[in-house]
Amino acid sequence: MFLLLLQYIDDAVKALEISLTNEDLTYLEEMYVPHPIVGAINENPPQGTVLLDKK
């Protein structure tokens, strides 16, 4: 188990060395399809607003 964890950490550190070209980014963004927001709120409330969880 510990060796598997070390492998995950090693892979994550190696991922920091990856750099994407503008072509890579364009390709990845082309596949993105916006979708409606699902959840409690769909926009940030005004600054200073306190959200209460009513039950």
PDB file of N, CA and C in Angstrom:
ATOM      1  N   MET A   1       0.831  -1.195   0.000  1.00  0.00           N
ATOM      2  CA  MET A   1       0.000   0.000   0.000  1.00  0.00           C
ATOM      3  C   MET A   1       0.874   1.256   0.000  1.00  0.00           C
ATOM      4  N   PHE A   2       1.898   1.263   0.832  1.00  0.00           N
ATOM      5  CA  PHE A   2       2.776   2.429   0.927  1.00  0.00           C
ATOM      6  C   PHE A   2       3.493   2.685  -0.388  1.00  0.00           C
ATOM      7  N   LEU A   3       3.917   1.593  -1.067  1.00  0.00           N
ATOM      8  CA  LEU A   3       4.607   1.762  -2.349  1.00  0.00           C
ATOM      9  C   LEU A   3       3.670   2.338  -3.402  1.00  0.00           C
ATOM     10  N   LEU A   4       2.410   1.947  -3.348  1.00  0.00           N
ATOM     11  CA  LEU A   4       1.424   2.493  -4.283  1.00  0.00           C
ATOM     12  C   LEU A   4       1.251   3.990  -4.041  1.00  0.00           C
ATOM     13  N   LEU A   5       1.203   4.388  -2.782  1.00  0.00           N
ATOM     14  CA  LEU A   5       1.087   5.809  -2.440  1.00  0.00           C
ATOM     15  C   LEU A   5       2.299   6.587  -2.948  1.00  0.00           C
ATOM     16  N   LEU A   6       3.474   6.020  -2.785  1.00  0.00           N
ATOM     17  CA  LEU A   6       4.683   6.678  -3.290  1.00  0.00           C
ATOM     18  C   LEU A   6       4.631   6.832  -4.809  1.00  0.00           C
ATOM     19  N   GLN A   7       4.091   5.836  -5.499  1.00  0.00           N
ATOM     20  CA  GLN A   7       3.975   5.919  -6.955  1.00  0.00           C
ATOM     21  C   GLN A   7       3.038   7.058  -7.353  1.00  0.00           C
ATOM     22  N   TYR A   8       1.921   7.204  -6.626  1.00  0.00           N
ATOM     23  CA  TYR A   8       0.989   8.304  -6.901  1.00  0.00           C
ATOM     24  C   TYR A   8       1.678   9.653  -6.723  1.00  0.00           C
ATOM     25  N   ILE A   9       2.438   9.785  -5.662  1.00  0.00           N
ATOM     26  CA  ILE A   9       3.147  11.042  -5.399  1.00  0.00           C
ATOM     27  C   ILE A   9       4.180  11.301  -6.485  1.00  0.00           C
ATOM     28  N   ASP A  10       4.910  10.270  -6.868  1.00  0.00           N
ATOM     29  CA  ASP A  10       5.918  10.404  -7.916  1.00  0.00           C
ATOM     30  C   ASP A  10       5.274  10.826  -9.239  1.00  0.00           C
ATOM     31  N   ASP A  11       4.148  10.212  -9.583  1.00  0.00           N
ATOM     32  CA  ASP A  11       3.440  10.571 -10.817  1.00  0.00           C
ATOM     33  C   ASP A  11       2.947  12.019 -10.768  1.00  0.00           C
ATOM     34  N   ALA A  12       2.454  12.451  -9.616  1.00  0.00           N
ATOM     35  CA  ALA A  12       1.961  13.824  -9.482  1.00  0.00           C
ATOM     36  C   ALA A  12       3.093  14.830  -9.649  1.00  0.00           C
ATOM     37  N   VAL A  13       4.251  14.521  -9.093  1.00  0.00           N
ATOM     38  CA  VAL A  13       5.407  15.418  -9.225  1.00  0.00           C
ATOM     39  C   VAL A  13       5.856  15.482 -10.680  1.00  0.00           C
ATOM     40  N   LYS A  14       5.877  14.348 -11.363  1.00  0.00           N
ATOM     41  CA  LYS A  14       6.266  14.330 -12.778  1.00  0.00           C
ATOM     42  C   LYS A  14       5.278  15.128 -13.629  1.00  0.00           C
ATOM     43  N   ALA A  15       4.009  15.128 -13.243  1.00  0.00           N
ATOM     44  CA  ALA A  15       2.993  15.860 -14.000  1.00  0.00           C
ATOM     45  C   ALA A  15       3.251  17.361 -13.983  1.00  0.00           C
ATOM     46  N   LEU A  16       3.946  17.846 -12.969  1.00  0.00           N
ATOM     47  CA  LEU A  16       4.258  19.277 -12.895  1.00  0.00           C
ATOM     48  C   LEU A  16       5.211  19.709 -14.003  1.00  0.00           C
ATOM     49  N   GLU A  17       5.923  18.756 -14.587  1.00  0.00           N
ATOM     50  CA  GLU A  17       6.887  19.068 -15.638  1.00  0.00           C
ATOM     51  C   GLU A  17       6.243  19.145 -17.022  1.00  0.00           C
ATOM     52  N   ILE A  18       4.977  18.786 -17.117  1.00  0.00           N
ATOM     53  CA  ILE A  18       4.274  18.791 -18.400  1.00  0.00           C
ATOM     54  C   ILE A  18       3.869  20.217 -18.746  1.00  0.00           C
ATOM     55  N   SER A  19       4.095  20.603 -19.991  1.00  0.00           N
ATOM     56  CA  SER A  19       3.612  21.909 -20.442  1.00  0.00           C
ATOM     57  C   SER A  19       2.821  21.703 -21.726  1.00  0.00           C
ATOM     58  N   LEU A  20       1.716  22.401 -21.831  1.00  0.00           N
ATOM     59  CA  LEU A  20       0.845  22.281 -22.994  1.00  0.00           C
ATOM     60  C   LEU A  20       1.082  23.442 -23.949  1.00  0.00           C
ATOM     61  N   THR A  21       1.046  23.122 -25.226  1.00  0.00           N
ATOM     62  CA  THR A  21       1.170  24.162 -26.242  1.00  0.00           C
ATOM     63  C   THR A  21      -0.190  24.834 -26.417  1.00  0.00           C
ATOM     64  N   ASN A  22      -0.202  25.939 -27.137  1.00  0.00           N
ATOM     65  CA  ASN A  22      -1.478  26.595 -27.446  1.00  0.00           C
ATOM     66  C   ASN A  22      -2.376  25.672 -28.251  1.00  0.00           C
ATOM     67  N   GLU A  23      -1.788  24.861 -29.132  1.00  0.00           N
ATOM     68  CA  GLU A  23      -2.577  23.896 -29.906  1.00  0.00           C
ATOM     69  C   GLU A  23      -3.214  22.860 -28.988  1.00  0.00           C
ATOM     70  N   ASP A  24      -2.470  22.384 -27.987  1.00  0.00           N
ATOM     71  CA  ASP A  24      -3.015  21.430 -27.025  1.00  0.00           C
ATOM     72  C   ASP A  24      -4.209  22.029 -26.295  1.00  0.00           C
ATOM     73  N   LEU A  25      -4.055  23.258 -25.824  1.00  0.00           N
ATOM     74  CA  LEU A  25      -5.131  23.918 -25.087  1.00  0.00           C
ATOM     75  C   LEU A  25      -6.358  24.131 -25.962  1.00  0.00           C
ATOM     76  N   THR A  26      -6.141  24.534 -27.200  1.00  0.00           N
ATOM     77  CA  THR A  26      -7.256  24.736 -28.125  1.00  0.00           C
ATOM     78  C   THR A  26      -7.997  23.428 -28.352  1.00  0.00           C
ATOM     79  N   TYR A  27      -7.259  22.350 -28.541  1.00  0.00           N
ATOM     80  CA  TYR A  27      -7.865  21.035 -28.756  1.00  0.00           C
ATOM     81  C   TYR A  27      -8.707  20.620 -27.546  1.00  0.00           C
ATOM     82  N   LEU A  28      -8.174  20.801 -26.354  1.00  0.00           N
ATOM     83  CA  LEU A  28      -8.909  20.421 -25.150  1.00  0.00           C
ATOM     84  C   LEU A  28     -10.153  21.276 -24.959  1.00  0.00           C
ATOM     85  N   GLU A  29     -10.057  22.566 -25.266  1.00  0.00           N
ATOM     86  CA  GLU A  29     -11.201  23.457 -25.095  1.00  0.00           C
ATOM     87  C   GLU A  29     -12.284  23.198 -26.134  1.00  0.00           C
ATOM     88  N   GLU A  30     -11.916  22.702 -27.310  1.00  0.00           N
ATOM     89  CA  GLU A  30     -12.906  22.405 -28.344  1.00  0.00           C
ATOM     90  C   GLU A  30     -13.866  21.313 -27.890  1.00  0.00           C
ATOM     91  N   MET A  31     -13.407  20.398 -27.072  1.00  0.00           N
ATOM     92  CA  MET A  31     -14.240  19.273 -26.636  1.00  0.00           C
ATOM     93  C   MET A  31     -15.171  19.642 -25.485  1.00  0.00           C
ATOM     94  N   TYR A  32     -14.957  20.793 -24.863  1.00  0.00           N
ATOM     95  CA  TYR A  32     -15.781  21.180 -23.720  1.00  0.00           C
ATOM     96  C   TYR A  32     -17.161  21.625 -24.179  1.00  0.00           C
ATOM     97  N   VAL A  33     -18.181  21.080 -23.541  1.00  0.00           N
ATOM     98  CA  VAL A  33     -19.552  21.472 -23.824  1.00  0.00           C
ATOM     99  C   VAL A  33     -20.129  22.061 -22.541  1.00  0.00           C
ATOM    100  N   PRO A  34     -20.487  23.355 -22.553  1.00  0.00           N
ATOM    101  CA  PRO A  34     -21.064  23.953 -21.350  1.00  0.00           C
ATOM    102  C   PRO A  34     -22.358  23.242 -20.957  1.00  0.00           C
ATOM    103  N   HIS A  35     -22.634  23.193 -19.694  1.00  0.00           N
ATOM    104  CA  HIS A  35     -23.852  22.569 -19.191  1.00  0.00           C
ATOM    105  C   HIS A  35     -24.420  23.421 -18.066  1.00  0.00           C
ATOM    106  N   PRO A  36     -25.712  23.267 -17.796  1.00  0.00           N
ATOM    107  CA  PRO A  36     -26.308  24.073 -16.730  1.00  0.00           C
ATOM    108  C   PRO A  36     -25.689  23.730 -15.378  1.00  0.00           C
ATOM    109  N   ILE A  37     -25.628  24.726 -14.519  1.00  0.00           N
ATOM    110  CA  ILE A  37     -25.094  24.527 -13.175  1.00  0.00           C
ATOM    111  C   ILE A  37     -26.126  23.774 -12.351  1.00  0.00           C
ATOM    112  N   VAL A  38     -25.677  22.770 -11.630  1.00  0.00           N
ATOM    113  CA  VAL A  38     -26.550  21.996 -10.758  1.00  0.00           C
ATOM    114  C   VAL A  38     -26.072  22.204  -9.335  1.00  0.00           C
ATOM    115  N   GLY A  39     -26.934  22.670  -8.481  1.00  0.00           N
ATOM    116  CA  GLY A  39     -26.530  22.884  -7.095  1.00  0.00           C
ATOM    117  C   GLY A  39     -27.368  23.951  -6.431  1.00  0.00           C
ATOM    118  N   ALA A  40     -26.866  24.441  -5.325  1.00  0.00           N
ATOM    119  CA  ALA A  40     -27.625  25.379  -4.507  1.00  0.00           C
ATOM    120  C   ALA A  40     -27.738  26.757  -5.145  1.00  0.00           C
ATOM    121  N   ILE A  41     -26.651  27.246  -5.744  1.00  0.00           N
ATOM    122  CA  ILE A  41     -26.676  28.580  -6.336  1.00  0.00           C
ATOM    123  C   ILE A  41     -26.009  28.529  -7.706  1.00  0.00           C
ATOM    124  N   ASN A  42     -26.409  29.409  -8.592  1.00  0.00           N
ATOM    125  CA  ASN A  42     -25.810  29.425  -9.923  1.00  0.00           C
ATOM    126  C   ASN A  42     -24.962  30.667 -10.176  1.00  0.00           C
ATOM    127  N   GLU A  43     -24.788  31.489  -9.147  1.00  0.00           N
ATOM    128  CA  GLU A  43     -23.913  32.656  -9.274  1.00  0.00           C
ATOM    129  C   GLU A  43     -23.421  33.037  -7.880  1.00  0.00           C
ATOM    130  N   ASN A  44     -22.339  33.738  -7.838  1.00  0.00           N
ATOM    131  CA  ASN A  44     -21.817  34.185  -6.553  1.00  0.00           C
ATOM    132  C   ASN A  44     -22.704  35.292  -6.002  1.00  0.00           C
ATOM    133  N   PRO A  45     -23.073  35.196  -4.733  1.00  0.00           N
ATOM    134  CA  PRO A  45     -23.891  36.257  -4.140  1.00  0.00           C
ATOM    135  C   PRO A  45     -23.059  37.516  -3.943  1.00  0.00           C
ATOM    136  N   PRO A  46     -23.715  38.661  -3.759  1.00  0.00           N
ATOM    137  CA  PRO A  46     -22.969  39.897  -3.519  1.00  0.00           C
ATOM    138  C   PRO A  46     -22.067  39.761  -2.294  1.00  0.00           C
ATOM    139  N   GLN A  47     -20.973  40.499  -2.305  1.00  0.00           N
ATOM    140  CA  GLN A  47     -20.026  40.454  -1.194  1.00  0.00           C
ATOM    141  C   GLN A  47     -20.727  40.830   0.108  1.00  0.00           C
ATOM    142  N   GLY A  48     -20.458  40.078   1.155  1.00  0.00           N
ATOM    143  CA  GLY A  48     -21.065  40.331   2.449  1.00  0.00           C
ATOM    144  C   GLY A  48     -22.325  39.526   2.701  1.00  0.00           C
ATOM    145  N   THR A  49     -22.829  38.833   1.695  1.00  0.00           N
ATOM    146  CA  THR A  49     -24.022  38.011   1.853  1.00  0.00           C
ATOM    147  C   THR A  49     -23.673  36.758   2.643  1.00  0.00           C
ATOM    148  N   VAL A  50     -24.529  36.411   3.578  1.00  0.00           N
ATOM    149  CA  VAL A  50     -24.345  35.187   4.360  1.00  0.00           C
ATOM    150  C   VAL A  50     -25.396  34.186   3.905  1.00  0.00           C
ATOM    151  N   LEU A  51     -24.947  33.011   3.470  1.00  0.00           N
ATOM    152  CA  LEU A  51     -25.871  31.971   3.034  1.00  0.00           C
ATOM    153  C   LEU A  51     -26.221  31.091   4.226  1.00  0.00           C
ATOM    154  N   LEU A  52     -27.505  30.848   4.426  1.00  0.00           N
ATOM    155  CA  LEU A  52     -27.964  30.013   5.529  1.00  0.00           C
ATOM    156  C   LEU A  52     -28.515  28.714   4.976  1.00  0.00           C
ATOM    157  N   ASP A  53     -28.212  27.630   5.651  1.00  0.00           N
ATOM    158  CA  ASP A  53     -28.714  26.321   5.252  1.00  0.00           C
ATOM    159  C   ASP A  53     -29.985  26.050   6.049  1.00  0.00           C
ATOM    160  N   LYS A  54     -31.131  26.311   5.439  1.00  0.00           N
ATOM    161  CA  LYS A  54     -32.409  26.119   6.136  1.00  0.00           C
ATOM    162  C   LYS A  54     -32.876  24.687   5.929  1.00  0.00           C
ATOM    163  N   LYS A  55     -33.324  24.088   7.031  1.00  0.00           N
ATOM    164  CA  LYS A  55     -33.871  22.720   6.958  1.00  0.00           C
ATOM    165  C   LYS A  55     -35.166  22.651   7.707  1.00  0.00           C
TER     166      LYS A  55
END
